[in-house]
PDB file of all heavy atoms in Angstrom:
ATOM      1  N   SER A   1      20.018 -31.544 -21.381  1.00  0.00           N
ATOM      2  CA  SER A   1      18.660 -31.744 -21.755  1.00  0.00           C
ATOM      3  C   SER A   1      17.702 -31.323 -20.659  1.00  0.00           C
ATOM      4  O   SER A   1      16.558 -30.920 -20.903  1.00  0.00           O
ATOM      5  CB  SER A   1      18.458 -33.252 -22.109  1.00  0.00           C
ATOM      6  OG  SER A   1      18.750 -33.999 -20.927  1.00  0.00           O
ATOM      7  N   ILE A   2      18.121 -31.416 -19.417  1.00  0.00           N
ATOM      8  CA  ILE A   2      17.242 -30.949 -18.285  1.00  0.00           C
ATOM      9  C   ILE A   2      17.129 -29.447 -18.280  1.00  0.00           C
ATOM     10  O   ILE A   2      16.029 -28.914 -18.046  1.00  0.00           O
ATOM     11  CB  ILE A   2      17.828 -31.453 -16.982  1.00  0.00           C
ATOM     12  CG1 ILE A   2      17.864 -32.990 -16.894  1.00  0.00           C
ATOM     13  CG2 ILE A   2      17.081 -30.902 -15.785  1.00  0.00           C
ATOM     14  CD1 ILE A   2      18.515 -33.551 -15.667  1.00  0.00           C
ATOM     15  N   LEU A   3      18.171 -28.674 -18.494  1.00  0.00           N
ATOM     16  CA  LEU A   3      18.130 -27.222 -18.464  1.00  0.00           C
ATOM     17  C   LEU A   3      17.262 -26.666 -19.602  1.00  0.00           C
ATOM     18  O   LEU A   3      16.738 -25.569 -19.495  1.00  0.00           O
ATOM     19  CB  LEU A   3      19.551 -26.625 -18.490  1.00  0.00           C
ATOM     20  CG  LEU A   3      20.412 -26.894 -17.255  1.00  0.00           C
ATOM     21  CD1 LEU A   3      21.797 -26.300 -17.436  1.00  0.00           C
ATOM     22  CD2 LEU A   3      19.743 -26.329 -16.019  1.00  0.00           C
ATOM     23  N   THR A   4      17.217 -27.396 -20.708  1.00  0.00           N
ATOM     24  CA  THR A   4      16.459 -26.872 -21.850  1.00  0.00           C
ATOM     25  C   THR A   4      14.968 -26.949 -21.506  1.00  0.00           C
ATOM     26  O   THR A   4      14.198 -26.137 -22.077  1.00  0.00           O
ATOM     27  CB  THR A   4      16.763 -27.721 -23.076  1.00  0.00           C
ATOM     28  OG1 THR A   4      16.599 -29.114 -22.859  1.00  0.00           O
ATOM     29  CG2 THR A   4      18.208 -27.487 -23.489  1.00  0.00           C
ATOM     30  N   ASP A   5      14.529 -27.860 -20.653  1.00  0.00           N
ATOM     31  CA  ASP A   5      13.093 -27.950 -20.370  1.00  0.00           C
ATOM     32  C   ASP A   5      12.611 -26.925 -19.267  1.00  0.00           C
ATOM     33  O   ASP A   5      11.436 -26.756 -19.111  1.00  0.00           O
ATOM     34  CB  ASP A   5      12.781 -29.370 -19.911  1.00  0.00           C
ATOM     35  CG  ASP A   5      13.036 -30.370 -20.997  1.00  0.00           C
ATOM     36  OD1 ASP A   5      13.015 -29.947 -22.165  1.00  0.00           O
ATOM     37  OD2 ASP A   5      13.276 -31.540 -20.669  1.00  0.00           O
ATOM     38  N   VAL A   6      13.562 -26.311 -18.530  1.00  0.00           N
ATOM     39  CA  VAL A   6      13.193 -25.380 -17.460  1.00  0.00           C
ATOM     40  C   VAL A   6      12.877 -23.981 -18.106  1.00  0.00           C
ATOM     41  O   VAL A   6      13.660 -23.460 -18.862  1.00  0.00           O
ATOM     42  CB  VAL A   6      14.322 -25.197 -16.465  1.00  0.00           C
ATOM     43  CG1 VAL A   6      13.978 -24.206 -15.413  1.00  0.00           C
ATOM     44  CG2 VAL A   6      14.632 -26.525 -15.816  1.00  0.00           C
ATOM     45  N   PRO A   7      11.652 -23.445 -17.798  1.00  0.00           N
ATOM     46  CA  PRO A   7      11.294 -22.095 -18.365  1.00  0.00           C
ATOM     47  C   PRO A   7      12.084 -21.001 -17.646  1.00  0.00           C
ATOM     48  O   PRO A   7      12.461 -21.134 -16.486  1.00  0.00           O
ATOM     49  CB  PRO A   7       9.861 -22.058 -18.166  1.00  0.00           C
ATOM     50  CG  PRO A   7       9.578 -22.868 -16.984  1.00  0.00           C
ATOM     51  CD  PRO A   7      10.506 -24.008 -17.051  1.00  0.00           C
ATOM     52  N   GLU A   8      12.309 -19.902 -18.374  1.00  0.00           N
ATOM     53  CA  GLU A   8      13.046 -18.781 -17.751  1.00  0.00           C
ATOM     54  C   GLU A   8      12.126 -18.036 -16.791  1.00  0.00           C
ATOM     55  O   GLU A   8      10.915 -17.936 -17.049  1.00  0.00           O
ATOM     56  CB  GLU A   8      13.489 -17.820 -18.858  1.00  0.00           C
ATOM     57  CG  GLU A   8      14.517 -18.458 -19.778  1.00  0.00           C
ATOM     58  CD  GLU A   8      14.984 -17.451 -20.873  1.00  0.00           C
ATOM     59  OE1 GLU A   8      14.421 -16.313 -20.817  1.00  0.00           O
ATOM     60  OE2 GLU A   8      15.799 -17.788 -21.659  1.00  0.00           O
ATOM     61  N   PRO A   9      12.587 -17.530 -15.703  1.00  0.00           N
ATOM     62  CA  PRO A   9      11.791 -16.848 -14.730  1.00  0.00           C
ATOM     63  C   PRO A   9      11.343 -15.503 -15.219  1.00  0.00           C
ATOM     64  O   PRO A   9      12.091 -14.824 -15.867  1.00  0.00           O
ATOM     65  CB  PRO A   9      12.684 -16.683 -13.509  1.00  0.00           C
ATOM     66  CG  PRO A   9      14.029 -16.790 -14.001  1.00  0.00           C
ATOM     67  CD  PRO A   9      14.010 -17.654 -15.225  1.00  0.00           C
ATOM     68  N   ASP A  10      10.040 -15.185 -14.952  1.00  0.00           N
ATOM     69  CA  ASP A  10       9.471 -13.904 -15.306  1.00  0.00           C
ATOM     70  C   ASP A  10       9.520 -12.944 -14.093  1.00  0.00           C
ATOM     71  O   ASP A  10       8.627 -12.929 -13.265  1.00  0.00           O
ATOM     72  CB  ASP A  10       8.108 -14.103 -15.822  1.00  0.00           C
ATOM     73  CG  ASP A  10       7.520 -12.798 -16.418  1.00  0.00           C
ATOM     74  OD1 ASP A  10       8.271 -11.786 -16.519  1.00  0.00           O
ATOM     75  OD2 ASP A  10       6.253 -12.731 -16.666  1.00  0.00           O
ATOM     76  N   VAL A  11      10.583 -12.163 -13.956  1.00  0.00           N
ATOM     77  CA  VAL A  11      10.796 -11.292 -12.793  1.00  0.00           C
ATOM     78  C   VAL A  11      10.643  -9.852 -13.262  1.00  0.00           C
ATOM     79  O   VAL A  11      11.374  -9.410 -14.170  1.00  0.00           O
ATOM     80  CB  VAL A  11      12.145 -11.481 -12.165  1.00  0.00           C
ATOM     81  CG1 VAL A  11      12.352 -10.511 -11.000  1.00  0.00           C
ATOM     82  CG2 VAL A  11      12.314 -12.925 -11.722  1.00  0.00           C
ATOM     83  N   ALA A  12       9.656  -9.127 -12.720  1.00  0.00           N
ATOM     84  CA  ALA A  12       9.513  -7.693 -13.069  1.00  0.00           C
ATOM     85  C   ALA A  12      10.490  -6.877 -12.315  1.00  0.00           C
ATOM     86  O   ALA A  12      10.733  -7.080 -11.127  1.00  0.00           O
ATOM     87  CB  ALA A  12       8.074  -7.315 -12.725  1.00  0.00           C
ATOM     88  N   PRO A  13      11.035  -5.883 -13.001  1.00  0.00           N
ATOM     89  CA  PRO A  13      12.006  -5.009 -12.298  1.00  0.00           C
ATOM     90  C   PRO A  13      11.373  -4.197 -11.195  1.00  0.00           C
ATOM     91  O   PRO A  13      10.259  -3.673 -11.345  1.00  0.00           O
ATOM     92  CB  PRO A  13      12.560  -4.152 -13.385  1.00  0.00           C
ATOM     93  CG  PRO A  13      11.482  -4.166 -14.410  1.00  0.00           C
ATOM     94  CD  PRO A  13      10.820  -5.466 -14.349  1.00  0.00           C
ATOM     95  N   VAL A  14      11.999  -4.147 -10.026  1.00  0.00           N
ATOM     96  CA  VAL A  14      11.462  -3.401  -8.890  1.00  0.00           C
ATOM     97  C   VAL A  14      12.011  -1.977  -8.879  1.00  0.00           C
ATOM     98  O   VAL A  14      13.273  -1.821  -8.940  1.00  0.00           O
ATOM     99  CB  VAL A  14      11.825  -4.096  -7.557  1.00  0.00           C
ATOM    100  CG1 VAL A  14      11.260  -3.315  -6.379  1.00  0.00           C
ATOM    101  CG2 VAL A  14      11.232  -5.500  -7.594  1.00  0.00           C
ATOM    102  N   GLU A  15      11.183  -1.023  -8.765  1.00  0.00           N
ATOM    103  CA  GLU A  15      11.643   0.391  -8.792  1.00  0.00           C
ATOM    104  C   GLU A  15      12.190   0.737  -7.414  1.00  0.00           C
ATOM    105  O   GLU A  15      11.542   0.547  -6.384  1.00  0.00           O
ATOM    106  CB  GLU A  15      10.405   1.296  -9.109  1.00  0.00           C
ATOM    107  CG  GLU A  15      10.843   2.754  -9.203  1.00  0.00           C
ATOM    108  CD  GLU A  15       9.636   3.631  -9.466  1.00  0.00           C
ATOM    109  OE1 GLU A  15       8.536   3.099  -9.671  1.00  0.00           O
ATOM    110  OE2 GLU A  15       9.787   4.863  -9.537  1.00  0.00           O
ATOM    111  N   SER A  16      13.383   1.162  -7.408  1.00  0.00           N
ATOM    112  CA  SER A  16      14.079   1.507  -6.160  1.00  0.00           C
ATOM    113  C   SER A  16      13.758   2.974  -5.791  1.00  0.00           C
ATOM    114  O   SER A  16      13.871   3.840  -6.624  1.00  0.00           O
ATOM    115  CB  SER A  16      15.652   1.358  -6.253  1.00  0.00           C
ATOM    116  OG  SER A  16      16.108   2.192  -7.290  1.00  0.00           O
ATOM    117  N   LYS A  17      13.386   3.159  -4.536  1.00  0.00           N
ATOM    118  CA  LYS A  17      13.039   4.533  -4.067  1.00  0.00           C
ATOM    119  C   LYS A  17      14.152   4.980  -3.087  1.00  0.00           C
ATOM    120  O   LYS A  17      14.527   4.234  -2.195  1.00  0.00           O
ATOM    121  CB  LYS A  17      11.712   4.472  -3.413  1.00  0.00           C
ATOM    122  CG  LYS A  17      10.566   4.128  -4.328  1.00  0.00           C
ATOM    123  CD  LYS A  17       9.210   4.157  -3.591  1.00  0.00           C
ATOM    124  CE  LYS A  17       8.079   3.794  -4.470  1.00  0.00           C
ATOM    125  NZ  LYS A  17       6.801   3.873  -3.792  1.00  0.00           N
ATOM    126  N   PRO A  18      14.578   6.218  -3.227  1.00  0.00           N
ATOM    127  CA  PRO A  18      15.640   6.709  -2.289  1.00  0.00           C
ATOM    128  C   PRO A  18      15.032   6.923  -0.884  1.00  0.00           C
ATOM    129  O   PRO A  18      13.831   7.151  -0.750  1.00  0.00           O
ATOM    130  CB  PRO A  18      16.109   8.004  -2.936  1.00  0.00           C
ATOM    131  CG  PRO A  18      14.914   8.494  -3.714  1.00  0.00           C
ATOM    132  CD  PRO A  18      14.214   7.241  -4.280  1.00  0.00           C
ATOM    133  N   LEU A  19      15.907   6.811   0.062  1.00  0.00           N
ATOM    134  CA  LEU A  19      15.484   7.011   1.452  1.00  0.00           C
ATOM    135  C   LEU A  19      15.354   8.525   1.749  1.00  0.00           C
ATOM    136  O   LEU A  19      16.296   9.310   1.611  1.00  0.00           O
ATOM    137  CB  LEU A  19      16.532   6.430   2.423  1.00  0.00           C
ATOM    138  CG  LEU A  19      16.207   6.551   3.892  1.00  0.00           C
ATOM    139  CD1 LEU A  19      14.929   5.752   4.244  1.00  0.00           C
ATOM    140  CD2 LEU A  19      17.385   5.993   4.694  1.00  0.00           C
ATOM    141  N   THR A  20      14.205   8.921   2.010  1.00  0.00           N
ATOM    142  CA  THR A  20      13.939  10.373   2.282  1.00  0.00           C
ATOM    143  C   THR A  20      13.317  10.527   3.648  1.00  0.00           C
ATOM    144  O   THR A  20      12.722   9.638   4.182  1.00  0.00           O
ATOM    145  CB  THR A  20      13.063  11.017   1.215  1.00  0.00           C
ATOM    146  OG1 THR A  20      11.810  10.292   1.218  1.00  0.00           O
ATOM    147  CG2 THR A  20      13.696  10.932  -0.183  1.00  0.00           C
ATOM    148  N   VAL A  21      13.462  11.747   4.194  1.00  0.00           N
ATOM    149  CA  VAL A  21      12.901  12.161   5.455  1.00  0.00           C
ATOM    150  C   VAL A  21      11.893  13.212   5.277  1.00  0.00           C
ATOM    151  O   VAL A  21      12.282  14.303   4.693  1.00  0.00           O
ATOM    152  CB  VAL A  21      13.951  12.535   6.479  1.00  0.00           C
ATOM    153  CG1 VAL A  21      13.328  12.858   7.851  1.00  0.00           C
ATOM    154  CG2 VAL A  21      14.948  11.353   6.631  1.00  0.00           C
ATOM    155  N   GLU A  22      10.698  13.065   5.659  1.00  0.00           N
ATOM    156  CA  GLU A  22       9.669  14.109   5.515  1.00  0.00           C
ATOM    157  C   GLU A  22       9.864  15.149   6.587  1.00  0.00           C
ATOM    158  O   GLU A  22      10.423  14.924   7.604  1.00  0.00           O
ATOM    159  CB  GLU A  22       8.271  13.512   5.530  1.00  0.00           C
ATOM    160  CG  GLU A  22       8.009  12.528   4.459  1.00  0.00           C
ATOM    161  CD  GLU A  22       6.590  11.944   4.528  1.00  0.00           C
ATOM    162  OE1 GLU A  22       5.869  12.315   5.523  1.00  0.00           O
ATOM    163  OE2 GLU A  22       6.202  11.195   3.719  1.00  0.00           O
ATOM    164  N   SER A  23       9.347  16.346   6.323  1.00  0.00           N
ATOM    165  CA  SER A  23       9.362  17.390   7.294  1.00  0.00           C
ATOM    166  C   SER A  23       8.493  17.003   8.513  1.00  0.00           C
ATOM    167  O   SER A  23       7.347  16.522   8.296  1.00  0.00           O
ATOM    168  CB  SER A  23       8.941  18.704   6.722  1.00  0.00           C
ATOM    169  OG  SER A  23       7.575  18.575   6.236  1.00  0.00           O
ATOM    170  N   GLY A  24       8.944  17.239   9.632  1.00  0.00           N
ATOM    171  CA  GLY A  24       8.195  16.790  10.827  1.00  0.00           C
ATOM    172  C   GLY A  24       8.877  15.689  11.607  1.00  0.00           C
ATOM    173  O   GLY A  24       8.468  15.319  12.630  1.00  0.00           O
ATOM    174  N   GLY A  25       9.918  15.057  10.992  1.00  0.00           N
ATOM    175  CA  GLY A  25      10.705  14.076  11.722  1.00  0.00           C
ATOM    176  C   GLY A  25      10.154  12.685  11.640  1.00  0.00           C
ATOM    177  O   GLY A  25      10.460  11.918  12.566  1.00  0.00           O
ATOM    178  N   THR A  26       9.402  12.274  10.612  1.00  0.00           N
ATOM    179  CA  THR A  26       8.869  10.910  10.494  1.00  0.00           C
ATOM    180  C   THR A  26       9.465  10.293   9.273  1.00  0.00           C
ATOM    181  O   THR A  26       9.683  10.920   8.236  1.00  0.00           O
ATOM    182  CB  THR A  26       7.304  10.879  10.476  1.00  0.00           C
ATOM    183  OG1 THR A  26       6.908  11.725   9.333  1.00  0.00           O
ATOM    184  CG2 THR A  26       6.701  11.460  11.731  1.00  0.00           C
ATOM    185  N   TRP A  27       9.610   8.938   9.369  1.00  0.00           N
ATOM    186  CA  TRP A  27      10.138   8.245   8.176  1.00  0.00           C
ATOM    187  C   TRP A  27       9.050   7.986   7.164  1.00  0.00           C
ATOM    188  O   TRP A  27       7.877   8.008   7.454  1.00  0.00           O
ATOM    189  CB  TRP A  27      10.721   6.917   8.637  1.00  0.00           C
ATOM    190  CG  TRP A  27      11.985   7.043   9.503  1.00  0.00           C
ATOM    191  CD1 TRP A  27      12.018   6.947  10.823  1.00  0.00           C
ATOM    192  CD2 TRP A  27      13.286   7.327   9.027  1.00  0.00           C
ATOM    193  NE1 TRP A  27      13.325   7.172  11.295  1.00  0.00           N
ATOM    194  CE2 TRP A  27      14.127   7.388  10.179  1.00  0.00           C
ATOM    195  CE3 TRP A  27      13.843   7.499   7.783  1.00  0.00           C
ATOM    196  CZ2 TRP A  27      15.438   7.649  10.137  1.00  0.00           C
ATOM    197  CZ3 TRP A  27      15.211   7.727   7.716  1.00  0.00           C
ATOM    198  CH2 TRP A  27      16.002   7.803   8.880  1.00  0.00           C
ATOM    199  N   HIS A  28       9.532   7.778   5.935  1.00  0.00           N
ATOM    200  CA  HIS A  28       8.584   7.491   4.817  1.00  0.00           C
ATOM    201  C   HIS A  28       7.872   6.226   5.111  1.00  0.00           C
ATOM    202  O   HIS A  28       8.412   5.261   5.606  1.00  0.00           O
ATOM    203  CB  HIS A  28       9.348   7.403   3.494  1.00  0.00           C
ATOM    204  CG  HIS A  28       8.432   7.530   2.305  1.00  0.00           C
ATOM    205  ND1 HIS A  28       7.749   6.473   1.787  1.00  0.00           N
ATOM    206  CD2 HIS A  28       8.095   8.625   1.573  1.00  0.00           C
ATOM    207  CE1 HIS A  28       7.055   6.829   0.767  1.00  0.00           C
ATOM    208  NE2 HIS A  28       7.241   8.181   0.597  1.00  0.00           N
ATOM    209  N   PRO A  29       6.502   6.163   4.801  1.00  0.00           N
ATOM    210  CA  PRO A  29       5.762   4.921   5.125  1.00  0.00           C
ATOM    211  C   PRO A  29       6.342   3.700   4.420  1.00  0.00           C
ATOM    212  O   PRO A  29       6.230   2.579   4.925  1.00  0.00           O
ATOM    213  CB  PRO A  29       4.376   5.272   4.580  1.00  0.00           C
ATOM    214  CG  PRO A  29       4.271   6.787   4.619  1.00  0.00           C
ATOM    215  CD  PRO A  29       5.676   7.226   4.340  1.00  0.00           C
ATOM    216  N   ALA A  30       6.921   3.859   3.228  1.00  0.00           N
ATOM    217  CA  ALA A  30       7.416   2.651   2.520  1.00  0.00           C
ATOM    218  C   ALA A  30       8.600   2.019   3.257  1.00  0.00           C
ATOM    219  O   ALA A  30       8.832   0.841   3.114  1.00  0.00           O
ATOM    220  CB  ALA A  30       7.879   3.086   1.136  1.00  0.00           C
ATOM    221  N   PHE A  31       9.256   2.793   4.116  1.00  0.00           N
ATOM    222  CA  PHE A  31      10.430   2.234   4.896  1.00  0.00           C
ATOM    223  C   PHE A  31      10.265   2.312   6.374  1.00  0.00           C
ATOM    224  O   PHE A  31      11.187   2.343   7.127  1.00  0.00           O
ATOM    225  CB  PHE A  31      11.705   3.029   4.515  1.00  0.00           C
ATOM    226  CG  PHE A  31      12.021   3.038   3.014  1.00  0.00           C
ATOM    227  CD1 PHE A  31      11.560   4.049   2.227  1.00  0.00           C
ATOM    228  CD2 PHE A  31      12.710   1.975   2.412  1.00  0.00           C
ATOM    229  CE1 PHE A  31      11.817   4.063   0.842  1.00  0.00           C
ATOM    230  CE2 PHE A  31      13.017   1.987   1.073  1.00  0.00           C
ATOM    231  CZ  PHE A  31      12.578   3.039   0.281  1.00  0.00           C
ATOM    232  N   ALA A  32       8.944   2.353   6.795  1.00  0.00           N
ATOM    233  CA  ALA A  32       8.694   2.443   8.254  1.00  0.00           C
ATOM    234  C   ALA A  32       9.046   1.197   8.968  1.00  0.00           C
ATOM    235  O   ALA A  32       9.450   1.210  10.104  1.00  0.00           O
ATOM    236  CB  ALA A  32       7.200   2.721   8.466  1.00  0.00           C
ATOM    237  N   ALA A  33       8.983   0.011   8.292  1.00  0.00           N
ATOM    238  CA  ALA A  33       9.303  -1.231   8.996  1.00  0.00           C
ATOM    239  C   ALA A  33      10.804  -1.451   9.111  1.00  0.00           C
ATOM    240  O   ALA A  33      11.205  -2.368   9.800  1.00  0.00           O
ATOM    241  CB  ALA A  33       8.604  -2.374   8.260  1.00  0.00           C
ATOM    242  N   GLU A  34      11.564  -0.789   8.259  1.00  0.00           N
ATOM    243  CA  GLU A  34      12.998  -1.021   8.240  1.00  0.00           C
ATOM    244  C   GLU A  34      13.676   0.060   9.008  1.00  0.00           C
ATOM    245  O   GLU A  34      13.257   1.208   9.017  1.00  0.00           O
ATOM    246  CB  GLU A  34      13.502  -1.029   6.784  1.00  0.00           C
ATOM    247  CG  GLU A  34      12.911  -2.127   5.932  1.00  0.00           C
ATOM    248  CD  GLU A  34      13.422  -2.074   4.500  1.00  0.00           C
ATOM    249  OE1 GLU A  34      14.286  -1.167   4.255  1.00  0.00           O
ATOM    250  OE2 GLU A  34      13.028  -2.908   3.711  1.00  0.00           O
ATOM    251  N   PRO A  35      14.822  -0.272   9.684  1.00  0.00           N
ATOM    252  CA  PRO A  35      15.507   0.741  10.470  1.00  0.00           C
ATOM    253  C   PRO A  35      16.219   1.714   9.495  1.00  0.00           C
ATOM    254  O   PRO A  35      16.582   1.365   8.424  1.00  0.00           O
ATOM    255  CB  PRO A  35      16.525  -0.059  11.302  1.00  0.00           C
ATOM    256  CG  PRO A  35      16.703  -1.296  10.514  1.00  0.00           C
ATOM    257  CD  PRO A  35      15.391  -1.605   9.857  1.00  0.00           C
ATOM    258  N   PRO A  36      16.417   2.979   9.910  1.00  0.00           N
ATOM    259  CA  PRO A  36      17.097   3.919   9.029  1.00  0.00           C
ATOM    260  C   PRO A  36      18.536   3.524   8.837  1.00  0.00           C
ATOM    261  O   PRO A  36      19.220   3.106   9.777  1.00  0.00           O
ATOM    262  CB  PRO A  36      16.957   5.241   9.820  1.00  0.00           C
ATOM    263  CG  PRO A  36      16.815   4.810  11.230  1.00  0.00           C
ATOM    264  CD  PRO A  36      16.060   3.505  11.202  1.00  0.00           C
ATOM    265  N   PRO A  37      19.013   3.619   7.666  1.00  0.00           N
ATOM    266  CA  PRO A  37      20.406   3.229   7.397  1.00  0.00           C
ATOM    267  C   PRO A  37      21.448   4.242   7.993  1.00  0.00           C
ATOM    268  O   PRO A  37      22.547   3.913   8.214  1.00  0.00           O
ATOM    269  CB  PRO A  37      20.499   3.209   5.874  1.00  0.00           C
ATOM    270  CG  PRO A  37      19.452   4.169   5.373  1.00  0.00           C
ATOM    271  CD  PRO A  37      18.346   4.030   6.413  1.00  0.00           C
ATOM    272  N   SER A  38      20.974   5.483   8.227  1.00  0.00           N
ATOM    273  CA  SER A  38      21.877   6.489   8.725  1.00  0.00           C
ATOM    274  C   SER A  38      21.168   7.404   9.666  1.00  0.00           C
ATOM    275  O   SER A  38      19.966   7.664   9.426  1.00  0.00           O
ATOM    276  CB  SER A  38      22.523   7.255   7.619  1.00  0.00           C
ATOM    277  OG  SER A  38      23.366   8.313   8.137  1.00  0.00           O
ATOM    278  N   LEU A  39      21.783   7.890  10.716  1.00  0.00           N
ATOM    279  CA  LEU A  39      21.117   8.772  11.656  1.00  0.00           C
ATOM    280  C   LEU A  39      21.100  10.216  11.161  1.00  0.00           C
ATOM    281  O   LEU A  39      20.225  10.969  11.550  1.00  0.00           O
ATOM    282  CB  LEU A  39      21.895   8.735  13.034  1.00  0.00           C
ATOM    283  CG  LEU A  39      21.895   7.360  13.644  1.00  0.00           C
ATOM    284  CD1 LEU A  39      22.675   7.437  15.016  1.00  0.00           C
ATOM    285  CD2 LEU A  39      20.539   6.804  13.880  1.00  0.00           C
TER     286      LEU A  39
END
């Protein structure tokens, strides 16, 4: 009876972006805060 009263979460799907390297040797701004997964 408790689970029936809990509403389902509304989670929007997050679009995954591949890790790319721009010309000039700088990381993409979307992943600037995260370390590169591969050298």
